[in-house]
Every structure is written in C-alpha cells, then in structure tokens.
Amino acid sequence: MYRILVPSRPIGDTGAMIHIQSLIDDAKCFETVRRLRWPDGTQCPTCNSSKITKQGRDETQPERQRYLCQSCEQRFDDLTDTIFAGHHQPLRVWILCLYFMGLNLSNQQIAQELDLHPSDAHQMTGQLRQGIVSKKSAPTLRDEVECDEVYIVAGHKGQPDRVQKKGGVAGADGSRVGAAGAHSLQRSRRSSG
C-alpha cells in the first residue's frame, strides 16, 4: 500500500530511530479509504444514493469528512459501516497494522512496531482478517466443472455388524462384492425371507 523508505543506517551521528507511524499521515489514510470505498464518487451507505452534501469535518479527526444524504437524510462519514469505525486507534494505526499483516508479521511483532498492547494488536488483526473474509465474494462456477469422486463414511456407531471387512463377500453368482454392495446384498436377503 505504502512504500516506506527508511535508511539502513542511523540519521546523522545521533543514532536516532525513525518511528514508522510518523511517516504515515492521517490525511492520506482518509483519502485512501475514500478512494477505495467510493471509486465512482461518495455514496450513502444506507440507500446507495449519490446525492450527497459535505457536512464539515470531525472535531477529533479533522481529516475525517462528514456527509448528509439528500435522499434518506442519513448522516455518515468516511468510516461509517467499515471495520475502522468506532475504535479509539487512529486510522493510520489500522492501515499500518494491515500493512504489517501483509508482511506476515506476528501479532506480537505488530504490537511492538505500533507500540500497542499485545491484546490490542490481536483484536485489531482478528477484526481485519474477519473483515477481509466477510468482503470476499463467493466463487461462481460456470461452464464445465470437474469434481473428483468422494466416498464419505459417516460411521457405524452402535452397529459393528454392518461394517464389512476389506474384500467383501461372495455374491449369489460367486463374484466378490465390495462393502457397499455387500450391504445392499444383505438387505435384499433380509427382505426376501
């Protein structure tokens, strides 16, 4: 998502470390969310109308735009009905967490990098994974689809006599019958008398 260029050696002679959160700016994070969420322009999350007016900005997060839908008169903002809404962590922390998940860092490493408690990092990664899974569309099969054969044994609990040993039993004509055939053969013998 973001390309972060960090020098491999300390800056100057101070040996100062660069804190990665200072490289990410909140305004760019909100702009990215807007662009990904509404590629064809802002739409109401309730009625999908594009008749929207801007209603100022959030007091605590000035980069967060507020909107009013002219069709259903619902108020919403950039994060309404997203996995980022209603959390105390800034959006840049969520974006960085998602970035670190893409780098395959553990929850412990993410917590350390973002200066979070490990339980907070665990909760954030869990919510992000769940959000990704819930947004993933179901595969659509079309044209010709091939499937392998499947034989499922559900078990014969309480009925051990119904389980046949490998090799089957001899049929009426002397041929060997598999376990499934032996079962139907036994049933037909029982019903005939």
N, C-alpha and C. Protein backbone atom coordinates (compact mmCIF):
# COMPACT_ATOMS: atom_id res chain seq x y z
N MET A 1 0.82 -1.17 0.00
CA MET A 1 0.00 0.00 0.00
C MET A 1 0.88 1.25 0.00
N TYR A 2 1.78 1.37 0.97
CA TYR A 2 2.68 2.49 1.05
C TYR A 2 4.11 2.00 0.89
N ARG A 3 4.91 2.73 0.20
CA ARG A 3 6.33 2.40 0.11
C ARG A 3 7.04 3.26 1.13
N ILE A 4 7.65 2.61 2.08
CA ILE A 4 8.32 3.34 3.14
C ILE A 4 9.82 3.13 2.96
N LEU A 5 10.52 4.22 2.75
CA LEU A 5 11.95 4.15 2.57
C LEU A 5 12.61 4.63 3.85
N VAL A 6 13.28 3.73 4.53
CA VAL A 6 13.95 4.05 5.78
C VAL A 6 15.44 3.76 5.58
N PRO A 7 16.30 4.72 5.86
CA PRO A 7 17.72 4.47 5.68
C PRO A 7 18.18 3.29 6.53
N SER A 8 19.14 2.52 6.00
CA SER A 8 19.62 1.36 6.74
C SER A 8 20.56 1.76 7.87
N ARG A 9 21.06 2.97 7.84
CA ARG A 9 21.94 3.44 8.92
C ARG A 9 21.25 4.57 9.67
N PRO A 10 21.63 4.83 10.90
CA PRO A 10 21.01 5.91 11.68
C PRO A 10 21.19 7.27 10.99
N ILE A 11 20.26 8.19 11.22
CA ILE A 11 20.33 9.53 10.65
C ILE A 11 21.35 10.34 11.46
N GLY A 12 22.30 10.90 10.77
CA GLY A 12 23.33 11.70 11.44
C GLY A 12 24.15 10.87 12.40
N ASP A 13 24.71 11.51 13.38
CA ASP A 13 25.53 10.82 14.37
C ASP A 13 24.76 10.52 15.64
N THR A 14 23.48 10.86 15.68
CA THR A 14 22.71 10.72 16.92
C THR A 14 22.27 9.28 17.17
N GLY A 15 22.21 8.47 16.12
CA GLY A 15 21.72 7.10 16.28
C GLY A 15 20.22 7.06 16.48
N ALA A 16 19.50 8.14 16.08
CA ALA A 16 18.05 8.22 16.28
C ALA A 16 17.33 7.23 15.38
N MET A 17 16.30 6.60 15.93
CA MET A 17 15.46 5.68 15.17
C MET A 17 14.27 6.46 14.61
N ILE A 18 13.79 6.05 13.45
CA ILE A 18 12.60 6.66 12.86
C ILE A 18 11.40 5.84 13.29
N HIS A 19 10.42 6.49 13.89
CA HIS A 19 9.19 5.81 14.28
C HIS A 19 8.29 5.77 13.05
N ILE A 20 7.92 4.56 12.63
CA ILE A 20 7.20 4.39 11.36
C ILE A 20 5.87 5.13 11.32
N GLN A 21 5.21 5.28 12.48
CA GLN A 21 3.92 5.99 12.49
C GLN A 21 4.06 7.45 12.10
N SER A 22 5.26 8.02 12.30
CA SER A 22 5.44 9.43 11.93
C SER A 22 5.57 9.60 10.43
N LEU A 23 5.80 8.51 9.69
CA LEU A 23 5.93 8.59 8.24
C LEU A 23 4.58 8.55 7.53
N ILE A 24 3.55 8.07 8.22
CA ILE A 24 2.22 7.94 7.64
C ILE A 24 1.38 9.12 8.11
N ASP A 25 0.71 9.75 7.18
CA ASP A 25 -0.07 10.94 7.50
C ASP A 25 -1.57 10.60 7.45
N ASP A 26 -2.32 11.10 8.44
CA ASP A 26 -3.75 10.79 8.57
C ASP A 26 -4.55 11.21 7.34
N ALA A 27 -4.22 12.36 6.78
CA ALA A 27 -4.97 12.86 5.62
C ALA A 27 -4.87 11.88 4.46
N LYS A 28 -3.67 11.33 4.22
CA LYS A 28 -3.50 10.37 3.13
C LYS A 28 -4.25 9.07 3.41
N CYS A 29 -4.29 8.66 4.67
CA CYS A 29 -5.03 7.44 5.03
C CYS A 29 -6.51 7.62 4.74
N PHE A 30 -7.09 8.76 5.14
CA PHE A 30 -8.51 9.00 4.89
C PHE A 30 -8.78 9.12 3.39
N GLU A 31 -7.88 9.76 2.67
CA GLU A 31 -8.03 9.87 1.21
C GLU A 31 -8.01 8.49 0.56
N THR A 32 -7.13 7.62 1.04
CA THR A 32 -7.05 6.25 0.51
C THR A 32 -8.34 5.48 0.78
N VAL A 33 -8.88 5.62 1.98
CA VAL A 33 -10.14 4.94 2.31
C VAL A 33 -11.26 5.45 1.41
N ARG A 34 -11.33 6.76 1.20
CA ARG A 34 -12.36 7.33 0.32
C ARG A 34 -12.23 6.80 -1.11
N ARG A 35 -11.00 6.78 -1.61
CA ARG A 35 -10.77 6.34 -2.99
C ARG A 35 -11.12 4.86 -3.16
N LEU A 36 -10.76 4.02 -2.19
CA LEU A 36 -11.05 2.59 -2.28
C LEU A 36 -12.52 2.29 -2.03
N ARG A 37 -13.13 3.03 -1.13
CA ARG A 37 -14.53 2.77 -0.77
C ARG A 37 -15.49 3.26 -1.84
N TRP A 38 -15.22 4.42 -2.38
CA TRP A 38 -16.12 5.03 -3.36
C TRP A 38 -15.34 5.42 -4.62
N PRO A 39 -14.97 4.46 -5.46
CA PRO A 39 -14.19 4.80 -6.66
C PRO A 39 -14.98 5.66 -7.66
N ASP A 40 -16.32 5.59 -7.62
CA ASP A 40 -17.16 6.36 -8.55
C ASP A 40 -17.82 7.56 -7.87
N GLY A 41 -17.31 7.99 -6.73
CA GLY A 41 -17.89 9.11 -6.01
C GLY A 41 -18.60 8.64 -4.75
N THR A 42 -18.72 9.52 -3.79
CA THR A 42 -19.31 9.19 -2.49
C THR A 42 -20.76 8.74 -2.64
N GLN A 43 -21.10 7.66 -1.93
CA GLN A 43 -22.47 7.14 -1.92
C GLN A 43 -22.91 6.90 -0.48
N CYS A 44 -24.20 7.05 -0.24
CA CYS A 44 -24.77 6.81 1.08
C CYS A 44 -24.69 5.32 1.39
N PRO A 45 -24.17 4.94 2.57
CA PRO A 45 -24.11 3.53 2.93
C PRO A 45 -25.47 2.91 3.22
N THR A 46 -26.49 3.74 3.45
CA THR A 46 -27.84 3.25 3.75
C THR A 46 -28.64 2.98 2.49
N CYS A 47 -28.69 3.97 1.58
CA CYS A 47 -29.56 3.84 0.40
C CYS A 47 -28.80 3.83 -0.92
N ASN A 48 -27.48 3.95 -0.89
CA ASN A 48 -26.61 3.95 -2.08
C ASN A 48 -26.85 5.13 -3.01
N SER A 49 -27.47 6.18 -2.51
CA SER A 49 -27.69 7.37 -3.33
C SER A 49 -26.38 8.14 -3.48
N SER A 50 -26.24 8.81 -4.61
CA SER A 50 -25.05 9.65 -4.81
C SER A 50 -25.37 11.13 -4.60
N LYS A 51 -26.59 11.42 -4.13
CA LYS A 51 -26.98 12.80 -3.82
C LYS A 51 -26.50 13.12 -2.40
N ILE A 52 -25.25 13.56 -2.31
CA ILE A 52 -24.58 13.74 -1.02
C ILE A 52 -24.09 15.17 -0.90
N THR A 53 -24.19 15.74 0.30
CA THR A 53 -23.57 17.04 0.58
C THR A 53 -22.59 16.86 1.73
N LYS A 54 -21.49 17.59 1.65
CA LYS A 54 -20.50 17.55 2.72
C LYS A 54 -21.02 18.34 3.90
N GLN A 55 -20.77 17.84 5.11
CA GLN A 55 -21.28 18.46 6.33
C GLN A 55 -20.16 18.78 7.31
N GLY A 56 -19.05 19.26 6.83
CA GLY A 56 -17.95 19.63 7.71
C GLY A 56 -17.07 18.44 8.04
N ARG A 57 -16.26 18.63 9.06
CA ARG A 57 -15.29 17.60 9.45
C ARG A 57 -15.46 17.25 10.92
N ASP A 58 -14.91 16.11 11.29
CA ASP A 58 -14.95 15.64 12.67
C ASP A 58 -14.07 16.53 13.55
N GLU A 59 -14.50 16.77 14.80
CA GLU A 59 -13.72 17.64 15.70
C GLU A 59 -12.43 16.96 16.16
N THR A 60 -12.49 15.66 16.42
CA THR A 60 -11.30 14.96 16.94
C THR A 60 -10.37 14.48 15.83
N GLN A 61 -10.91 14.24 14.65
CA GLN A 61 -10.11 13.82 13.49
C GLN A 61 -10.46 14.74 12.32
N PRO A 62 -9.75 15.85 12.17
CA PRO A 62 -10.11 16.84 11.14
C PRO A 62 -10.03 16.32 9.70
N GLU A 63 -9.34 15.24 9.47
CA GLU A 63 -9.24 14.68 8.12
C GLU A 63 -10.49 13.86 7.76
N ARG A 64 -11.30 13.54 8.75
CA ARG A 64 -12.49 12.71 8.58
C ARG A 64 -13.67 13.56 8.13
N GLN A 65 -14.11 13.35 6.89
CA GLN A 65 -15.19 14.15 6.29
C GLN A 65 -16.55 13.61 6.71
N ARG A 66 -17.49 14.54 7.02
CA ARG A 66 -18.86 14.17 7.32
C ARG A 66 -19.74 14.45 6.10
N TYR A 67 -20.83 13.67 5.97
CA TYR A 67 -21.72 13.80 4.81
C TYR A 67 -23.18 13.73 5.27
N LEU A 68 -24.07 14.26 4.41
CA LEU A 68 -25.51 14.13 4.60
C LEU A 68 -26.10 13.64 3.29
N CYS A 69 -26.90 12.57 3.36
CA CYS A 69 -27.56 12.04 2.17
C CYS A 69 -28.82 12.85 1.93
N GLN A 70 -28.99 13.37 0.71
CA GLN A 70 -30.17 14.16 0.37
C GLN A 70 -31.40 13.28 0.16
N SER A 71 -31.19 11.99 -0.14
CA SER A 71 -32.32 11.08 -0.39
C SER A 71 -32.95 10.57 0.90
N CYS A 72 -32.14 10.01 1.80
CA CYS A 72 -32.71 9.41 3.02
C CYS A 72 -32.41 10.23 4.28
N GLU A 73 -31.69 11.36 4.11
CA GLU A 73 -31.34 12.27 5.20
C GLU A 73 -30.51 11.62 6.31
N GLN A 74 -29.79 10.58 5.99
CA GLN A 74 -28.89 9.95 6.96
C GLN A 74 -27.55 10.67 6.98
N ARG A 75 -26.97 10.79 8.15
CA ARG A 75 -25.63 11.37 8.28
C ARG A 75 -24.63 10.22 8.37
N PHE A 76 -23.48 10.41 7.75
CA PHE A 76 -22.42 9.40 7.80
C PHE A 76 -21.09 10.08 7.56
N ASP A 77 -20.01 9.33 7.74
CA ASP A 77 -18.68 9.88 7.48
C ASP A 77 -17.84 8.85 6.72
N ASP A 78 -16.57 9.15 6.55
CA ASP A 78 -15.69 8.28 5.76
C ASP A 78 -15.62 6.85 6.28
N LEU A 79 -15.78 6.66 7.58
CA LEU A 79 -15.59 5.34 8.18
C LEU A 79 -16.88 4.63 8.56
N THR A 80 -18.03 5.25 8.36
CA THR A 80 -19.31 4.64 8.72
C THR A 80 -19.46 3.29 8.02
N ASP A 81 -19.87 2.28 8.79
CA ASP A 81 -20.09 0.91 8.29
C ASP A 81 -18.82 0.26 7.72
N THR A 82 -17.67 0.62 8.27
CA THR A 82 -16.42 -0.06 7.90
C THR A 82 -15.84 -0.69 9.16
N ILE A 83 -14.85 -1.54 8.99
CA ILE A 83 -14.22 -2.16 10.16
C ILE A 83 -13.39 -1.16 10.95
N PHE A 84 -13.15 0.01 10.39
CA PHE A 84 -12.36 1.04 11.08
C PHE A 84 -13.21 1.93 11.98
N ALA A 85 -14.52 1.86 11.87
CA ALA A 85 -15.42 2.75 12.62
C ALA A 85 -15.52 2.34 14.09
N GLY A 86 -15.63 3.34 14.96
CA GLY A 86 -15.91 3.11 16.36
C GLY A 86 -14.75 2.60 17.20
N HIS A 87 -13.52 2.87 16.80
CA HIS A 87 -12.36 2.41 17.56
C HIS A 87 -11.53 3.61 18.01
N HIS A 88 -10.82 3.43 19.10
CA HIS A 88 -10.04 4.54 19.64
C HIS A 88 -8.68 4.70 18.94
N GLN A 89 -8.24 3.69 18.19
CA GLN A 89 -6.96 3.80 17.48
C GLN A 89 -7.14 4.66 16.24
N PRO A 90 -6.18 5.52 15.94
CA PRO A 90 -6.27 6.33 14.72
C PRO A 90 -6.24 5.45 13.46
N LEU A 91 -6.78 5.98 12.38
CA LEU A 91 -6.84 5.23 11.13
C LEU A 91 -5.45 4.81 10.65
N ARG A 92 -4.44 5.66 10.85
CA ARG A 92 -3.09 5.31 10.39
C ARG A 92 -2.56 4.06 11.09
N VAL A 93 -2.97 3.83 12.35
CA VAL A 93 -2.54 2.63 13.07
C VAL A 93 -3.19 1.40 12.44
N TRP A 94 -4.47 1.51 12.05
CA TRP A 94 -5.15 0.40 11.39
C TRP A 94 -4.52 0.10 10.04
N ILE A 95 -4.19 1.15 9.28
CA ILE A 95 -3.58 0.97 7.97
C ILE A 95 -2.20 0.32 8.12
N LEU A 96 -1.43 0.77 9.09
CA LEU A 96 -0.11 0.16 9.34
C LEU A 96 -0.25 -1.28 9.80
N CYS A 97 -1.24 -1.55 10.62
CA CYS A 97 -1.49 -2.93 11.07
C CYS A 97 -1.78 -3.82 9.86
N LEU A 98 -2.61 -3.33 8.96
CA LEU A 98 -2.92 -4.07 7.75
C LEU A 98 -1.67 -4.28 6.89
N TYR A 99 -0.84 -3.26 6.81
CA TYR A 99 0.42 -3.35 6.06
C TYR A 99 1.33 -4.41 6.67
N PHE A 100 1.45 -4.39 8.01
CA PHE A 100 2.31 -5.38 8.68
C PHE A 100 1.76 -6.79 8.56
N MET A 101 0.43 -6.92 8.52
CA MET A 101 -0.16 -8.24 8.30
C MET A 101 0.24 -8.76 6.91
N GLY A 102 0.29 -7.86 5.94
CA GLY A 102 0.72 -8.23 4.59
C GLY A 102 2.17 -8.65 4.54
N LEU A 103 2.97 -8.15 5.48
CA LEU A 103 4.37 -8.55 5.58
C LEU A 103 4.53 -9.84 6.38
N ASN A 104 3.41 -10.39 6.84
CA ASN A 104 3.38 -11.64 7.59
C ASN A 104 4.06 -11.53 8.96
N LEU A 105 3.91 -10.39 9.61
CA LEU A 105 4.43 -10.22 10.96
C LEU A 105 3.46 -10.84 11.95
N SER A 106 3.98 -11.34 13.04
CA SER A 106 3.13 -11.92 14.08
C SER A 106 2.42 -10.80 14.84
N ASN A 107 1.39 -11.15 15.59
CA ASN A 107 0.67 -10.16 16.39
C ASN A 107 1.62 -9.51 17.40
N GLN A 108 2.53 -10.28 17.95
CA GLN A 108 3.49 -9.75 18.91
C GLN A 108 4.39 -8.71 18.25
N GLN A 109 4.86 -9.00 17.04
CA GLN A 109 5.71 -8.06 16.31
C GLN A 109 4.93 -6.80 15.93
N ILE A 110 3.68 -6.98 15.53
CA ILE A 110 2.84 -5.82 15.17
C ILE A 110 2.63 -4.94 16.40
N ALA A 111 2.36 -5.55 17.53
CA ALA A 111 2.17 -4.80 18.78
C ALA A 111 3.42 -4.00 19.12
N GLN A 112 4.57 -4.62 18.94
CA GLN A 112 5.83 -3.96 19.24
C GLN A 112 6.08 -2.80 18.27
N GLU A 113 5.85 -3.02 16.99
CA GLU A 113 6.08 -1.97 15.98
C GLU A 113 5.15 -0.78 16.15
N LEU A 114 3.91 -1.05 16.53
CA LEU A 114 2.90 0.02 16.64
C LEU A 114 2.76 0.54 18.07
N ASP A 115 3.60 0.04 18.97
CA ASP A 115 3.56 0.45 20.38
C ASP A 115 2.18 0.24 20.98
N LEU A 116 1.64 -0.97 20.76
CA LEU A 116 0.33 -1.36 21.28
C LEU A 116 0.49 -2.47 22.30
N HIS A 117 -0.52 -2.65 23.12
CA HIS A 117 -0.58 -3.82 23.99
C HIS A 117 -0.84 -5.04 23.10
N PRO A 118 -0.21 -6.19 23.38
CA PRO A 118 -0.42 -7.37 22.52
C PRO A 118 -1.89 -7.77 22.34
N SER A 119 -2.71 -7.58 23.38
CA SER A 119 -4.13 -7.93 23.24
C SER A 119 -4.84 -6.98 22.25
N ASP A 120 -4.42 -5.69 22.21
CA ASP A 120 -5.00 -4.75 21.25
C ASP A 120 -4.61 -5.15 19.82
N ALA A 121 -3.35 -5.51 19.63
CA ALA A 121 -2.90 -5.95 18.30
C ALA A 121 -3.63 -7.21 17.87
N HIS A 122 -3.83 -8.13 18.81
CA HIS A 122 -4.56 -9.37 18.50
C HIS A 122 -5.99 -9.07 18.07
N GLN A 123 -6.64 -8.17 18.79
CA GLN A 123 -8.03 -7.80 18.47
C GLN A 123 -8.09 -7.11 17.11
N MET A 124 -7.15 -6.22 16.84
CA MET A 124 -7.15 -5.50 15.57
C MET A 124 -6.93 -6.45 14.39
N THR A 125 -5.96 -7.34 14.50
CA THR A 125 -5.68 -8.27 13.39
C THR A 125 -6.86 -9.22 13.19
N GLY A 126 -7.49 -9.64 14.28
CA GLY A 126 -8.67 -10.50 14.17
C GLY A 126 -9.80 -9.81 13.43
N GLN A 127 -10.06 -8.54 13.78
CA GLN A 127 -11.12 -7.79 13.11
C GLN A 127 -10.80 -7.54 11.64
N LEU A 128 -9.53 -7.25 11.35
CA LEU A 128 -9.14 -7.04 9.95
C LEU A 128 -9.27 -8.32 9.14
N ARG A 129 -8.85 -9.45 9.70
CA ARG A 129 -9.00 -10.73 9.00
C ARG A 129 -10.47 -11.05 8.76
N GLN A 130 -11.30 -10.84 9.78
CA GLN A 130 -12.73 -11.12 9.64
C GLN A 130 -13.36 -10.21 8.60
N GLY A 131 -12.95 -8.95 8.57
CA GLY A 131 -13.46 -8.02 7.58
C GLY A 131 -13.06 -8.41 6.16
N ILE A 132 -11.85 -8.90 6.01
CA ILE A 132 -11.39 -9.34 4.70
C ILE A 132 -12.18 -10.56 4.25
N VAL A 133 -12.40 -11.51 5.16
CA VAL A 133 -13.14 -12.73 4.82
C VAL A 133 -14.59 -12.41 4.49
N SER A 134 -15.22 -11.52 5.26
CA SER A 134 -16.64 -11.22 5.02
C SER A 134 -16.84 -10.47 3.71
N LYS A 135 -15.86 -9.72 3.25
CA LYS A 135 -15.98 -8.98 1.99
C LYS A 135 -15.62 -9.82 0.78
N LYS A 136 -14.98 -10.97 1.00
CA LYS A 136 -14.57 -11.82 -0.11
C LYS A 136 -15.82 -12.46 -0.72
N SER A 137 -15.97 -12.29 -2.03
CA SER A 137 -17.17 -12.82 -2.68
C SER A 137 -17.05 -14.33 -2.87
N ALA A 138 -18.20 -15.00 -2.86
CA ALA A 138 -18.23 -16.44 -3.06
C ALA A 138 -17.86 -16.76 -4.50
N PRO A 139 -17.13 -17.83 -4.73
CA PRO A 139 -16.76 -18.17 -6.11
C PRO A 139 -17.98 -18.59 -6.92
N THR A 140 -18.00 -18.18 -8.17
CA THR A 140 -19.09 -18.55 -9.07
C THR A 140 -18.56 -19.57 -10.06
N LEU A 141 -19.20 -20.74 -10.09
CA LEU A 141 -18.80 -21.79 -11.02
C LEU A 141 -19.63 -21.67 -12.28
N ARG A 142 -18.96 -21.79 -13.43
CA ARG A 142 -19.69 -21.75 -14.69
C ARG A 142 -18.95 -22.59 -15.71
N ASP A 143 -19.57 -22.78 -16.84
CA ASP A 143 -19.05 -23.64 -17.88
C ASP A 143 -18.92 -25.06 -17.36
N GLU A 144 -17.87 -25.77 -17.73
CA GLU A 144 -17.71 -27.16 -17.32
C GLU A 144 -16.90 -27.23 -16.03
N VAL A 145 -17.42 -27.91 -15.03
CA VAL A 145 -16.75 -28.05 -13.74
C VAL A 145 -16.53 -29.53 -13.48
N GLU A 146 -15.29 -29.89 -13.17
CA GLU A 146 -14.97 -31.29 -12.88
C GLU A 146 -14.78 -31.47 -11.39
N CYS A 147 -15.26 -32.61 -10.88
CA CYS A 147 -15.10 -32.95 -9.47
C CYS A 147 -14.57 -34.36 -9.38
N ASP A 148 -13.73 -34.61 -8.40
CA ASP A 148 -13.26 -35.97 -8.15
C ASP A 148 -14.34 -36.73 -7.39
N GLU A 149 -14.23 -38.06 -7.44
CA GLU A 149 -15.17 -38.89 -6.69
C GLU A 149 -14.86 -38.78 -5.20
N VAL A 150 -15.91 -38.84 -4.41
CA VAL A 150 -15.75 -38.75 -2.97
C VAL A 150 -16.58 -39.86 -2.33
N TYR A 151 -15.99 -40.59 -1.39
CA TYR A 151 -16.71 -41.61 -0.64
C TYR A 151 -16.63 -41.21 0.81
N ILE A 152 -17.76 -40.94 1.42
CA ILE A 152 -17.81 -40.46 2.80
C ILE A 152 -18.37 -41.55 3.68
N VAL A 153 -17.64 -41.88 4.74
CA VAL A 153 -18.12 -42.84 5.73
C VAL A 153 -18.51 -42.05 6.96
N ALA A 154 -19.77 -42.09 7.27
CA ALA A 154 -20.26 -41.34 8.42
C ALA A 154 -20.07 -42.13 9.70
N GLY A 155 -19.74 -43.39 9.60
CA GLY A 155 -19.52 -44.21 10.79
C GLY A 155 -20.67 -45.16 11.02
N HIS A 156 -20.41 -46.16 11.81
CA HIS A 156 -21.42 -47.18 12.11
C HIS A 156 -21.51 -47.37 13.62
N LYS A 157 -21.58 -46.30 14.34
CA LYS A 157 -21.61 -46.36 15.79
C LYS A 157 -22.81 -47.19 16.26
N GLY A 158 -22.53 -48.16 17.08
CA GLY A 158 -23.59 -49.00 17.63
C GLY A 158 -24.04 -50.11 16.70
N GLN A 159 -23.48 -50.21 15.50
CA GLN A 159 -23.86 -51.24 14.54
C GLN A 159 -22.61 -51.85 13.92
N PRO A 160 -21.75 -52.49 14.72
CA PRO A 160 -20.50 -53.04 14.18
C PRO A 160 -20.71 -54.16 13.16
N ASP A 161 -21.85 -54.85 13.19
CA ASP A 161 -22.08 -55.93 12.23
C ASP A 161 -22.30 -55.41 10.82
N ARG A 162 -22.62 -54.12 10.67
CA ARG A 162 -22.84 -53.53 9.35
C ARG A 162 -21.53 -53.14 8.66
N VAL A 163 -20.42 -53.14 9.42
CA VAL A 163 -19.13 -52.80 8.85
C VAL A 163 -18.52 -54.05 8.26
N GLN A 164 -18.23 -54.03 6.97
CA GLN A 164 -17.67 -55.19 6.29
C GLN A 164 -16.16 -55.08 6.24
N LYS A 165 -15.48 -56.20 6.31
CA LYS A 165 -14.03 -56.24 6.19
C LYS A 165 -13.68 -56.05 4.72
N LYS A 166 -12.45 -55.63 4.48
CA LYS A 166 -11.98 -55.46 3.10
C LYS A 166 -12.10 -56.75 2.33
N GLY A 167 -12.43 -56.67 1.08
CA GLY A 167 -12.55 -57.87 0.25
C GLY A 167 -13.99 -58.24 0.01
N GLY A 168 -14.90 -57.81 0.84
CA GLY A 168 -16.32 -58.05 0.63
C GLY A 168 -16.71 -59.50 0.85
N VAL A 169 -17.88 -59.84 0.37
CA VAL A 169 -18.42 -61.21 0.50
C VAL A 169 -18.75 -61.73 -0.89
N ALA A 170 -18.92 -63.00 -0.99
CA ALA A 170 -19.26 -63.58 -2.29
C ALA A 170 -20.71 -63.33 -2.60
N GLY A 171 -20.99 -62.89 -3.82
CA GLY A 171 -22.35 -62.67 -4.26
C GLY A 171 -23.02 -63.98 -4.65
N ALA A 172 -24.25 -63.91 -5.09
CA ALA A 172 -25.00 -65.11 -5.46
C ALA A 172 -24.36 -65.83 -6.63
N ASP A 173 -23.71 -65.08 -7.52
CA ASP A 173 -23.07 -65.71 -8.68
C ASP A 173 -21.62 -66.08 -8.42
N GLY A 174 -21.13 -65.92 -7.17
CA GLY A 174 -19.76 -66.29 -6.81
C GLY A 174 -18.77 -65.15 -6.96
N SER A 175 -19.18 -63.98 -7.51
CA SER A 175 -18.26 -62.86 -7.68
C SER A 175 -18.10 -62.14 -6.35
N ARG A 176 -16.96 -61.44 -6.21
CA ARG A 176 -16.69 -60.69 -4.98
C ARG A 176 -17.41 -59.35 -5.06
N VAL A 177 -18.02 -58.92 -3.98
CA VAL A 177 -18.74 -57.67 -3.92
C VAL A 177 -18.08 -56.79 -2.87
N GLY A 178 -17.93 -55.47 -3.15
CA GLY A 178 -17.34 -54.54 -2.17
C GLY A 178 -18.28 -54.35 -0.99
N ALA A 179 -17.81 -53.59 0.01
CA ALA A 179 -18.57 -53.39 1.24
C ALA A 179 -19.94 -52.77 0.97
N ALA A 180 -20.02 -51.77 0.07
CA ALA A 180 -21.30 -51.14 -0.22
C ALA A 180 -22.25 -52.13 -0.89
N GLY A 181 -21.74 -52.93 -1.79
CA GLY A 181 -22.55 -53.94 -2.46
C GLY A 181 -23.00 -55.01 -1.50
N ALA A 182 -22.11 -55.40 -0.56
CA ALA A 182 -22.45 -56.42 0.44
C ALA A 182 -23.58 -55.93 1.32
N HIS A 183 -23.57 -54.65 1.65
CA HIS A 183 -24.61 -54.08 2.49
C HIS A 183 -25.96 -54.18 1.79
N SER A 184 -26.01 -53.82 0.50
CA SER A 184 -27.28 -53.91 -0.22
C SER A 184 -27.67 -55.37 -0.43
N LEU A 185 -26.68 -56.27 -0.57
CA LEU A 185 -26.95 -57.69 -0.73
C LEU A 185 -27.58 -58.24 0.55
N GLN A 186 -27.02 -57.82 1.73
CA GLN A 186 -27.58 -58.29 3.00
C GLN A 186 -29.01 -57.79 3.16
N ARG A 187 -29.25 -56.55 2.77
CA ARG A 187 -30.59 -56.00 2.89
C ARG A 187 -31.57 -56.79 2.03
N SER A 188 -31.16 -57.11 0.81
CA SER A 188 -32.08 -57.84 -0.08
C SER A 188 -32.33 -59.25 0.43
N ARG A 189 -31.32 -59.90 1.06
CA ARG A 189 -31.52 -61.24 1.61
C ARG A 189 -32.49 -61.17 2.78
N ARG A 190 -32.35 -60.10 3.63
CA ARG A 190 -33.24 -59.98 4.78
C ARG A 190 -34.68 -59.76 4.33
N SER A 191 -34.84 -58.92 3.32
CA SER A 191 -36.22 -58.61 2.90
C SER A 191 -36.88 -59.77 2.18
N SER A 192 -36.07 -60.67 1.56
CA SER A 192 -36.66 -61.77 0.82
C SER A 192 -37.01 -62.96 1.73
N GLY A 193 -36.53 -62.95 2.92
CA GLY A 193 -37.03 -64.01 3.72
C GLY A 193 -36.13 -64.63 4.65
